[in-house]
Amino acid sequence: MSLFTRLGLLAAGLMLAGCQTATHFEATNTNQFKPRDKELLAKIRYVNSPVPQPYRRAIVDYHRKEAPGSIMVDSDNHYLYYVLEGGKAIRYGVTVGEEALAFSGVARVGNMREWPDWIPTADIHKRIEGLPARVAGGPDNPLGARALYLYQGNKDTLFRIHGTNQPEYIGASISSGCIRMLNEDVIDLYNRVKPNAPVVVLEPKHGDSPYKPQLAMGGGGNGNY
């Protein structure tokens, strides 16, 4: 192994180690679940797969300038941040849209729903034949336990931050553009966020997370994927 390679690996290891020391992983607080949440989560029929540690909910240092109460989504690194006071944020692992379908830009939380119905858009009906016009809210609904509806001005962008019945895809880019979270995580976020909170979704290839989950899982690369 060359000296250059060894130094590169050492630098990457130090970067990851430094980020780890600033990370406090958060356990799910089931006290925040309402009786309906407990009832419906107990009825899930999908495999409730644990996500890899790099995508577990955590309190981390936050170096960007978004105000407390804001949401920032780094699609490249599959993270959503809820900004706290004092240079901290809660970081959640997410599933994001394929690059051609993904939303980016600045929006606001224009609406919020618990166990929402899913109404597939016309574009989704074109891509996936045979879908019903509406799917009632519940544990097997693709929107999961909560949905935050992203608006620009008074216009619904049709993009959502919502739960999922496919937790195995947290950390992947496979959705139809929406941002999916574990049901437990989206309930946690929903209980913190306020209506009209600003939402910043970074453009592809503009990831801005010091911690690179691909490196942490031994995937190599520079984190832009």
C-alpha atoms as a PDB file:
ATOM      1  CA  MET A   1       0.000   0.000   0.000  1.00  0.00           C
ATOM      2  CA  SER A   2       1.451   3.379  -0.980  1.00  0.00           C
ATOM      3  CA  LEU A   3       2.090   6.178   1.496  1.00  0.00           C
ATOM      4  CA  PHE A   4      -0.545   8.287  -0.296  1.00  0.00           C
ATOM      5  CA  THR A   5      -3.151   5.552   0.090  1.00  0.00           C
ATOM      6  CA  ARG A   6      -2.309   5.039   3.775  1.00  0.00           C
ATOM      7  CA  LEU A   7      -2.586   8.756   4.453  1.00  0.00           C
ATOM      8  CA  GLY A   8      -5.916   8.869   2.616  1.00  0.00           C
ATOM      9  CA  LEU A   9      -7.322   6.015   4.677  1.00  0.00           C
ATOM     10  CA  LEU A  10      -6.035   7.601   7.870  1.00  0.00           C
ATOM     11  CA  ALA A  11      -7.686  10.917   7.000  1.00  0.00           C
ATOM     12  CA  ALA A  12     -10.988   9.178   6.236  1.00  0.00           C
ATOM     13  CA  GLY A  13     -10.791   7.255   9.492  1.00  0.00           C
ATOM     14  CA  LEU A  14     -10.123  10.413  11.475  1.00  0.00           C
ATOM     15  CA  MET A  15     -13.009  12.188   9.768  1.00  0.00           C
ATOM     16  CA  LEU A  16     -15.392   9.377  10.619  1.00  0.00           C
ATOM     17  CA  ALA A  17     -14.080   9.067  14.158  1.00  0.00           C
ATOM     18  CA  GLY A  18     -14.488  12.807  14.719  1.00  0.00           C
ATOM     19  CA  CYS A  19     -18.075  12.691  13.495  1.00  0.00           C
ATOM     20  CA  GLN A  20     -18.813   9.665  15.644  1.00  0.00           C
ATOM     21  CA  THR A  21     -17.718  11.474  18.829  1.00  0.00           C
ATOM     22  CA  ALA A  22     -20.270  14.205  18.042  1.00  0.00           C
ATOM     23  CA  THR A  23     -23.078  11.684  17.561  1.00  0.00           C
ATOM     24  CA  HIS A  24     -25.613  10.558  20.140  1.00  0.00           C
ATOM     25  CA  PHE A  25     -28.017   7.888  18.920  1.00  0.00           C
ATOM     26  CA  GLU A  26     -31.623   8.341  19.978  1.00  0.00           C
ATOM     27  CA  ALA A  27     -33.875   5.511  21.124  1.00  0.00           C
ATOM     28  CA  THR A  28     -37.510   5.524  20.058  1.00  0.00           C
ATOM     29  CA  ASN A  29     -39.719   7.105  22.708  1.00  0.00           C
ATOM     30  CA  THR A  30     -42.909   5.054  22.566  1.00  0.00           C
ATOM     31  CA  ASN A  31     -44.564   7.514  24.968  1.00  0.00           C
ATOM     32  CA  GLN A  32     -45.049   9.832  22.001  1.00  0.00           C
ATOM     33  CA  PHE A  33     -47.174   7.219  20.212  1.00  0.00           C
ATOM     34  CA  LYS A  34     -50.902   7.796  20.361  1.00  0.00           C
ATOM     35  CA  PRO A  35     -53.226   4.826  21.012  1.00  0.00           C
ATOM     36  CA  ARG A  36     -54.005   4.660  17.278  1.00  0.00           C
ATOM     37  CA  ASP A  37     -50.284   4.598  16.477  1.00  0.00           C
ATOM     38  CA  LYS A  38     -49.740   1.651  18.804  1.00  0.00           C
ATOM     39  CA  GLU A  39     -52.751  -0.168  17.358  1.00  0.00           C
ATOM     40  CA  LEU A  40     -51.752   0.289  13.727  1.00  0.00           C
ATOM     41  CA  LEU A  41     -48.017  -0.267  14.198  1.00  0.00           C
ATOM     42  CA  ALA A  42     -48.857  -3.568  15.894  1.00  0.00           C
ATOM     43  CA  LYS A  43     -50.701  -4.627  12.724  1.00  0.00           C
ATOM     44  CA  ILE A  44     -47.856  -4.153  10.237  1.00  0.00           C
ATOM     45  CA  ARG A  45     -47.478  -6.998   7.774  1.00  0.00           C
ATOM     46  CA  TYR A  46     -44.162  -5.925   6.280  1.00  0.00           C
ATOM     47  CA  VAL A  47     -40.804  -6.996   7.725  1.00  0.00           C
ATOM     48  CA  ASN A  48     -39.764  -4.232  10.118  1.00  0.00           C
ATOM     49  CA  SER A  49     -36.124  -4.395   9.048  1.00  0.00           C
ATOM     50  CA  PRO A  50     -33.580  -2.617  11.269  1.00  0.00           C
ATOM     51  CA  VAL A  51     -31.650   0.028   9.356  1.00  0.00           C
ATOM     52  CA  PRO A  52     -27.827   0.104   9.328  1.00  0.00           C
ATOM     53  CA  GLN A  53     -26.312   2.177  12.133  1.00  0.00           C
ATOM     54  CA  PRO A  54     -25.257   5.102   9.863  1.00  0.00           C
ATOM     55  CA  TYR A  55     -28.963   5.744   9.138  1.00  0.00           C
ATOM     56  CA  ARG A  56     -30.220   5.481  12.720  1.00  0.00           C
ATOM     57  CA  ARG A  57     -31.775   8.567  14.279  1.00  0.00           C
ATOM     58  CA  ALA A  58     -29.071  10.609  16.023  1.00  0.00           C
ATOM     59  CA  ILE A  59     -28.303  14.000  17.503  1.00  0.00           C
ATOM     60  CA  VAL A  60     -25.292  15.440  15.654  1.00  0.00           C
ATOM     61  CA  ASP A  61     -23.323  18.650  15.241  1.00  0.00           C
ATOM     62  CA  TYR A  62     -24.836  20.843  12.522  1.00  0.00           C
ATOM     63  CA  HIS A  63     -22.517  23.143  10.579  1.00  0.00           C
ATOM     64  CA  ARG A  64     -24.980  24.788   8.180  1.00  0.00           C
ATOM     65  CA  LYS A  65     -26.891  28.042   8.726  1.00  0.00           C
ATOM     66  CA  GLU A  66     -30.544  26.953   8.570  1.00  0.00           C
ATOM     67  CA  ALA A  67     -32.534  28.290  11.533  1.00  0.00           C
ATOM     68  CA  PRO A  68     -33.712  26.045  14.369  1.00  0.00           C
ATOM     69  CA  GLY A  69     -37.008  24.412  13.437  1.00  0.00           C
ATOM     70  CA  SER A  70     -35.974  24.032   9.784  1.00  0.00           C
ATOM     71  CA  ILE A  71     -35.698  20.772   7.862  1.00  0.00           C
ATOM     72  CA  MET A  72     -32.771  20.092   5.524  1.00  0.00           C
ATOM     73  CA  VAL A  73     -32.583  17.045   3.246  1.00  0.00           C
ATOM     74  CA  ASP A  74     -29.239  15.839   1.873  1.00  0.00           C
ATOM     75  CA  SER A  75     -30.397  13.410  -0.807  1.00  0.00           C
ATOM     76  CA  ASP A  76     -26.861  12.398  -1.815  1.00  0.00           C
ATOM     77  CA  ASN A  77     -26.179  11.020   1.652  1.00  0.00           C
ATOM     78  CA  HIS A  78     -29.782   9.964   2.406  1.00  0.00           C
ATOM     79  CA  TYR A  79     -30.141  12.140   5.491  1.00  0.00           C
ATOM     80  CA  LEU A  80     -32.853  14.458   6.751  1.00  0.00           C
ATOM     81  CA  TYR A  81     -31.900  16.973   9.447  1.00  0.00           C
ATOM     82  CA  TYR A  82     -34.228  18.719  11.880  1.00  0.00           C
ATOM     83  CA  VAL A  83     -32.272  21.739  13.067  1.00  0.00           C
ATOM     84  CA  LEU A  84     -32.014  22.346  16.826  1.00  0.00           C
ATOM     85  CA  GLU A  85     -30.621  25.213  18.883  1.00  0.00           C
ATOM     86  CA  GLY A  86     -26.933  25.420  19.711  1.00  0.00           C
ATOM     87  CA  GLY A  87     -25.440  24.049  16.491  1.00  0.00           C
ATOM     88  CA  LYS A  88     -27.111  20.648  16.793  1.00  0.00           C
ATOM     89  CA  ALA A  89     -29.620  18.718  14.669  1.00  0.00           C
ATOM     90  CA  ILE A  90     -31.508  15.458  14.736  1.00  0.00           C
ATOM     91  CA  ARG A  91     -30.357  13.405  11.760  1.00  0.00           C
ATOM     92  CA  TYR A  92     -32.628  10.728  10.290  1.00  0.00           C
ATOM     93  CA  GLY A  93     -31.862   8.195   7.553  1.00  0.00           C
ATOM     94  CA  VAL A  94     -34.247   8.433   4.588  1.00  0.00           C
ATOM     95  CA  THR A  95     -35.164   6.946   1.243  1.00  0.00           C
ATOM     96  CA  VAL A  96     -35.129   9.538  -1.546  1.00  0.00           C
ATOM     97  CA  GLY A  97     -36.294   9.727  -5.134  1.00  0.00           C
ATOM     98  CA  GLU A  98     -34.368   8.570  -8.148  1.00  0.00           C
ATOM     99  CA  GLU A  99     -32.435  11.548  -9.494  1.00  0.00           C
ATOM    100  CA  ALA A 100     -34.769  12.131 -12.458  1.00  0.00           C
ATOM    101  CA  LEU A 101     -37.813  12.155 -10.158  1.00  0.00           C
ATOM    102  CA  ALA A 102     -36.437  13.851  -7.054  1.00  0.00           C
ATOM    103  CA  PHE A 103     -37.529  17.228  -5.710  1.00  0.00           C
ATOM    104  CA  SER A 104     -34.948  19.870  -4.820  1.00  0.00           C
ATOM    105  CA  GLY A 105     -35.299  23.465  -3.740  1.00  0.00           C
ATOM    106  CA  VAL A 106     -36.866  25.417  -0.898  1.00  0.00           C
ATOM    107  CA  ALA A 107     -40.383  24.695   0.299  1.00  0.00           C
ATOM    108  CA  ARG A 108     -42.452  24.872   3.474  1.00  0.00           C
ATOM    109  CA  VAL A 109     -44.564  22.431   5.465  1.00  0.00           C
ATOM    110  CA  GLY A 110     -47.964  23.434   4.070  1.00  0.00           C
ATOM    111  CA  ASN A 111     -49.992  20.594   5.565  1.00  0.00           C
ATOM    112  CA  MET A 112     -49.565  17.734   8.054  1.00  0.00           C
ATOM    113  CA  ARG A 113     -51.528  14.486   8.367  1.00  0.00           C
ATOM    114  CA  GLU A 114     -51.559  11.465  10.666  1.00  0.00           C
ATOM    115  CA  TRP A 115     -52.003   8.081   8.965  1.00  0.00           C
ATOM    116  CA  PRO A 116     -52.882   9.827   5.692  1.00  0.00           C
ATOM    117  CA  ASP A 117     -54.721   8.366   2.728  1.00  0.00           C
ATOM    118  CA  TRP A 118     -52.586   7.920  -0.379  1.00  0.00           C
ATOM    119  CA  ILE A 119     -53.932   9.395  -3.620  1.00  0.00           C
ATOM    120  CA  PRO A 120     -51.532   8.418  -6.438  1.00  0.00           C
ATOM    121  CA  THR A 121     -50.778  11.274  -8.837  1.00  0.00           C
ATOM    122  CA  ALA A 122     -51.482  11.062 -12.556  1.00  0.00           C
ATOM    123  CA  ASP A 123     -47.762  10.527 -13.222  1.00  0.00           C
ATOM    124  CA  ILE A 124     -47.644   7.573 -10.824  1.00  0.00           C
ATOM    125  CA  HIS A 125     -50.729   6.056 -12.474  1.00  0.00           C
ATOM    126  CA  LYS A 126     -48.936   6.321 -15.827  1.00  0.00           C
ATOM    127  CA  ARG A 127     -45.842   4.547 -14.511  1.00  0.00           C
ATOM    128  CA  ILE A 128     -47.661   1.900 -12.443  1.00  0.00           C
ATOM    129  CA  GLU A 129     -50.791   0.443 -13.946  1.00  0.00           C
ATOM    130  CA  GLY A 130     -53.646  -0.923 -11.875  1.00  0.00           C
ATOM    131  CA  LEU A 131     -53.348   1.353  -8.846  1.00  0.00           C
ATOM    132  CA  PRO A 132     -56.549   2.319  -7.030  1.00  0.00           C
ATOM    133  CA  ALA A 133     -57.631   5.962  -6.990  1.00  0.00           C
ATOM    134  CA  ARG A 134     -57.175   6.106  -3.207  1.00  0.00           C
ATOM    135  CA  VAL A 135     -55.591   3.905  -0.531  1.00  0.00           C
ATOM    136  CA  ALA A 136     -56.911   4.376   3.002  1.00  0.00           C
ATOM    137  CA  GLY A 137     -54.452   5.246   5.743  1.00  0.00           C
ATOM    138  CA  GLY A 138     -53.035   2.319   7.683  1.00  0.00           C
ATOM    139  CA  PRO A 139     -49.909   0.270   8.380  1.00  0.00           C
ATOM    140  CA  ASP A 140     -49.651  -1.026   4.789  1.00  0.00           C
ATOM    141  CA  ASN A 141     -50.238   2.379   3.179  1.00  0.00           C
ATOM    142  CA  PRO A 142     -47.146   3.655   1.297  1.00  0.00           C
ATOM    143  CA  LEU A 143     -47.331   6.983   3.190  1.00  0.00           C
ATOM    144  CA  GLY A 144     -47.023   5.288   6.562  1.00  0.00           C
ATOM    145  CA  ALA A 145     -47.782   6.908   9.895  1.00  0.00           C
ATOM    146  CA  ARG A 146     -47.364  10.604   9.055  1.00  0.00           C
ATOM    147  CA  ALA A 147     -47.013  12.925   6.064  1.00  0.00           C
ATOM    148  CA  LEU A 148     -45.653  16.449   5.754  1.00  0.00           C
ATOM    149  CA  TYR A 149     -46.868  18.103   2.547  1.00  0.00           C
ATOM    150  CA  LEU A 150     -44.343  20.375   0.830  1.00  0.00           C
ATOM    151  CA  TYR A 151     -45.683  23.650  -0.565  1.00  0.00           C
ATOM    152  CA  GLN A 152     -44.037  26.474  -2.477  1.00  0.00           C
ATOM    153  CA  GLY A 153     -46.085  29.579  -1.772  1.00  0.00           C
ATOM    154  CA  ASN A 154     -49.681  28.362  -1.749  1.00  0.00           C
ATOM    155  CA  LYS A 155     -49.066  25.599  -4.286  1.00  0.00           C
ATOM    156  CA  ASP A 156     -48.759  21.952  -3.299  1.00  0.00           C
ATOM    157  CA  THR A 157     -45.600  20.585  -4.920  1.00  0.00           C
ATOM    158  CA  LEU A 158     -47.082  17.028  -4.625  1.00  0.00           C
ATOM    159  CA  PHE A 159     -43.888  15.993  -2.834  1.00  0.00           C
ATOM    160  CA  ARG A 160     -44.090  14.660   0.714  1.00  0.00           C
ATOM    161  CA  ILE A 161     -41.963  13.694   3.671  1.00  0.00           C
ATOM    162  CA  HIS A 162     -43.706  10.578   4.935  1.00  0.00           C
ATOM    163  CA  GLY A 163     -43.440   7.181   6.582  1.00  0.00           C
ATOM    164  CA  THR A 164     -42.862   3.943   4.738  1.00  0.00           C
ATOM    165  CA  ASN A 165     -43.875   0.303   4.683  1.00  0.00           C
ATOM    166  CA  GLN A 166     -40.516  -0.553   3.076  1.00  0.00           C
ATOM    167  CA  PRO A 167     -37.948   0.163   5.809  1.00  0.00           C
ATOM    168  CA  GLU A 168     -35.373  -2.005   4.022  1.00  0.00           C
ATOM    169  CA  TYR A 169     -34.889   0.823   1.501  1.00  0.00           C
ATOM    170  CA  ILE A 170     -33.781   3.470   4.001  1.00  0.00           C
ATOM    171  CA  GLY A 171     -30.481   4.730   2.560  1.00  0.00           C
ATOM    172  CA  ALA A 172     -31.523   4.078  -1.061  1.00  0.00           C
ATOM    173  CA  SER A 173     -32.739   6.200  -3.994  1.00  0.00           C
ATOM    174  CA  ILE A 174     -35.807   4.383  -5.289  1.00  0.00           C
ATOM    175  CA  SER A 175     -38.912   6.435  -4.477  1.00  0.00           C
ATOM    176  CA  SER A 176     -41.096   8.420  -6.864  1.00  0.00           C
ATOM    177  CA  GLY A 177     -39.561  11.614  -5.556  1.00  0.00           C
ATOM    178  CA  CYS A 178     -40.911  11.743  -2.022  1.00  0.00           C
ATOM    179  CA  ILE A 179     -38.755  11.452   1.086  1.00  0.00           C
ATOM    180  CA  ARG A 180     -39.508   8.327   3.105  1.00  0.00           C
ATOM    181  CA  MET A 181     -38.688   7.760   6.760  1.00  0.00           C
ATOM    182  CA  LEU A 182     -39.141   4.945   9.240  1.00  0.00           C
ATOM    183  CA  ASN A 183     -42.612   5.231  10.754  1.00  0.00           C
ATOM    184  CA  GLU A 184     -41.083   5.681  14.209  1.00  0.00           C
ATOM    185  CA  ASP A 185     -38.845   8.455  12.855  1.00  0.00           C
ATOM    186  CA  VAL A 186     -41.556  10.315  10.975  1.00  0.00           C
ATOM    187  CA  ILE A 187     -43.724  10.296  14.119  1.00  0.00           C
ATOM    188  CA  ASP A 188     -40.769  11.772  16.021  1.00  0.00           C
ATOM    189  CA  LEU A 189     -40.248  14.456  13.357  1.00  0.00           C
ATOM    190  CA  TYR A 190     -43.984  15.208  13.110  1.00  0.00           C
ATOM    191  CA  ASN A 191     -44.128  15.863  16.847  1.00  0.00           C
ATOM    192  CA  ARG A 192     -41.328  18.428  16.563  1.00  0.00           C
ATOM    193  CA  VAL A 193     -41.985  20.313  13.342  1.00  0.00           C
ATOM    194  CA  LYS A 194     -44.302  23.320  13.148  1.00  0.00           C
ATOM    195  CA  PRO A 195     -46.657  24.248  10.279  1.00  0.00           C
ATOM    196  CA  ASN A 196     -44.948  26.432   7.670  1.00  0.00           C
ATOM    197  CA  ALA A 197     -41.483  25.292   8.778  1.00  0.00           C
ATOM    198  CA  PRO A 198     -38.939  25.846   5.980  1.00  0.00           C
ATOM    199  CA  VAL A 199     -37.681  22.778   4.128  1.00  0.00           C
ATOM    200  CA  VAL A 200     -34.434  22.869   2.132  1.00  0.00           C
ATOM    201  CA  VAL A 201     -33.786  19.920  -0.208  1.00  0.00           C
ATOM    202  CA  LEU A 202     -30.286  20.042  -1.679  1.00  0.00           C
ATOM    203  CA  GLU A 203     -29.783  19.416  -5.385  1.00  0.00           C
ATOM    204  CA  PRO A 204     -28.199  16.122  -6.456  1.00  0.00           C
ATOM    205  CA  LYS A 205     -24.378  16.159  -6.220  1.00  0.00           C
ATOM    206  CA  HIS A 206     -24.549  18.968  -3.643  1.00  0.00           C
ATOM    207  CA  GLY A 207     -24.493  16.757  -0.537  1.00  0.00           C
ATOM    208  CA  ASP A 208     -23.401  18.596   2.593  1.00  0.00           C
ATOM    209  CA  SER A 209     -23.087  16.018   5.375  1.00  0.00           C
ATOM    210  CA  PRO A 210     -19.697  15.678   7.126  1.00  0.00           C
ATOM    211  CA  TYR A 211     -20.486  12.028   7.885  1.00  0.00           C
ATOM    212  CA  LYS A 212     -20.505   9.758   4.828  1.00  0.00           C
ATOM    213  CA  PRO A 213     -22.637   6.642   5.389  1.00  0.00           C
ATOM    214  CA  GLN A 214     -21.154   4.795   2.407  1.00  0.00           C
ATOM    215  CA  LEU A 215     -17.671   5.101   3.896  1.00  0.00           C
ATOM    216  CA  ALA A 216     -18.947   4.007   7.293  1.00  0.00           C
ATOM    217  CA  MET A 217     -20.409   0.849   5.772  1.00  0.00           C
ATOM    218  CA  GLY A 218     -17.238   0.093   3.840  1.00  0.00           C
ATOM    219  CA  GLY A 219     -18.643   1.070   0.453  1.00  0.00           C
ATOM    220  CA  GLY A 220     -15.737   3.348  -0.423  1.00  0.00           C
ATOM    221  CA  GLY A 221     -16.167   6.262  -2.776  1.00  0.00           C
ATOM    222  CA  ASN A 222     -16.585   9.902  -1.823  1.00  0.00           C
ATOM    223  CA  GLY A 223     -20.140   9.739  -0.589  1.00  0.00           C
ATOM    224  CA  ASN A 224     -21.680  11.217  -3.757  1.00  0.00           C
ATOM    225  CA  TYR A 225     -23.915   8.486  -5.160  1.00  0.00           C
END
